[in-house]
Protein backbone atom coordinates (compact mmCIF):
# COMPACT_ATOMS: atom_id res chain seq x y z
CA ALA A 1 23.17 -75.69 92.85
CA ILE A 2 21.13 -73.04 91.07
CA ILE A 3 17.55 -72.52 92.16
CA THR A 4 15.55 -72.86 88.96
CA CYS A 5 12.03 -72.67 90.40
CA LEU A 6 10.14 -72.27 93.68
CA ALA A 7 6.93 -73.90 94.90
CA LYS A 8 4.25 -71.23 94.35
CA GLY A 9 3.04 -70.15 97.78
CA GLY A 10 5.65 -72.37 99.46
CA PRO A 11 7.85 -71.17 102.32
CA ALA A 12 10.75 -69.89 100.20
CA HIS A 13 8.46 -68.21 97.67
CA ARG A 14 6.33 -66.54 100.38
CA SER A 15 9.40 -65.27 102.22
CA GLY A 16 10.50 -63.23 99.21
CA LEU A 17 14.09 -63.84 100.33
CA VAL A 18 14.93 -66.57 97.83
CA GLN A 19 14.90 -65.93 94.08
CA THR A 20 15.15 -68.15 91.06
CA GLY A 21 18.68 -67.92 89.75
CA ASP A 22 20.17 -67.81 93.27
CA HIS A 23 22.98 -70.27 93.99
CA LEU A 24 22.25 -72.44 97.01
CA VAL A 25 25.33 -72.20 99.26
CA ALA A 26 24.18 -73.89 102.48
CA VAL A 27 21.10 -75.40 104.13
CA GLY A 28 21.45 -75.45 107.91
CA ASP A 29 24.83 -77.09 108.56
CA LEU A 30 24.99 -78.67 105.11
CA ASP A 31 27.60 -77.02 102.88
CA VAL A 32 25.86 -77.44 99.51
CA GLU A 33 28.84 -76.25 97.46
CA GLY A 34 31.10 -78.70 99.30
CA LEU A 35 28.52 -81.46 98.85
CA LEU A 36 28.41 -80.90 95.11
CA SER A 37 32.18 -81.11 94.72
CA GLU A 38 32.41 -84.05 97.16
CA GLU A 39 29.75 -86.02 95.28
CA CYS A 40 31.39 -85.38 91.90
CA HIS A 41 33.73 -88.34 92.40
CA GLY A 42 32.82 -91.98 91.89
CA ASP A 43 29.36 -93.44 91.17
CA ASP A 44 27.51 -92.71 87.97
CA HIS A 45 25.65 -89.46 87.31
CA GLY A 46 22.25 -90.90 88.31
CA GLU A 47 23.56 -92.17 91.66
CA ARG A 48 25.32 -88.85 92.41
CA THR A 49 22.16 -86.90 91.60
CA GLN A 50 20.08 -89.16 93.84
CA LYS A 51 22.55 -88.84 96.76
CA ILE A 52 22.66 -85.04 96.46
CA SER A 53 18.86 -84.82 96.23
CA GLN A 54 18.45 -87.01 99.33
CA ARG A 55 20.93 -84.96 101.38
CA LEU A 56 19.28 -81.68 100.33
CA ALA A 57 15.79 -83.01 101.11
CA MET A 58 16.91 -84.18 104.57
CA ALA A 59 18.35 -80.72 105.29
CA LEU A 60 15.37 -78.75 103.91
CA LEU A 61 12.48 -80.82 105.23
CA GLY A 62 11.44 -80.82 108.85
CA PRO A 63 8.51 -80.35 111.19
CA GLU A 64 5.96 -77.79 110.02
CA GLY A 65 6.54 -74.50 111.86
CA SER A 66 10.24 -75.16 112.50
CA THR A 67 12.81 -73.01 110.73
CA VAL A 68 15.80 -73.69 108.55
CA MET A 69 18.61 -71.25 107.76
CA ILE A 70 19.65 -71.22 104.13
CA GLN A 71 22.36 -69.23 102.42
CA VAL A 72 22.07 -68.16 98.80
CA ARG A 73 24.46 -66.29 96.53
CA ARG A 74 22.78 -63.77 94.25
CA THR A 75 23.59 -64.01 90.57
CA GLY A 76 25.47 -60.92 89.45
CA SER A 77 26.38 -59.48 92.85
CA GLY A 78 28.02 -62.57 94.33
CA GLU A 79 26.65 -61.40 97.68
CA VAL A 80 25.64 -64.20 100.09
CA HIS A 81 22.27 -63.75 101.82
CA ARG A 82 21.25 -65.67 104.93
CA CYS A 83 17.53 -66.47 104.97
CA GLU A 84 15.62 -68.06 107.83
CA ILE A 85 12.66 -69.91 106.31
CA GLN A 86 9.75 -71.28 108.33
CA ARG A 87 8.82 -74.74 107.13
CA ARG A 88 5.26 -75.32 105.96
CA HIS A 89 3.34 -78.10 104.30
CA ILE A 90 3.70 -78.07 100.52
CA ARG A 91 0.82 -79.56 98.56
CA PRO A 92 1.85 -82.50 96.37
CA TYR A 93 0.46 -80.93 93.19
CA VAL A 94 1.87 -77.46 93.66
CA GLN A 95 2.49 -74.98 90.87
CA TRP A 96 6.09 -73.97 90.31
CA VAL A 97 7.31 -70.44 89.77
CA SER A 98 10.23 -70.08 87.38
CA GLU A 99 12.54 -67.15 86.72
CA ASN A 100 10.09 -65.52 84.32
CA GLU A 101 7.18 -65.72 86.78
CA SER A 102 8.71 -64.70 90.12
């Protein structure tokens, strides 16, 4: 899964550790790359997308102030970075930062 945008002022954006264009490798114990290949079988595209989104949301979201460890692979270098992100409340009508605005 490629990170295409970040919530402006959100935990990942404020950390400076996650960049648009990064490949999401893992969230906590969830192997995102494995999840994507696992969910590629069966069901229609809409159902697969919904299942993947739900699993990612469950792994990313948590009590405000708690932390989640994510791993991202940088485009170009292939290097995997581990990033501990402190969860915060994200406003429902947040602005998004894309690759051109980071």
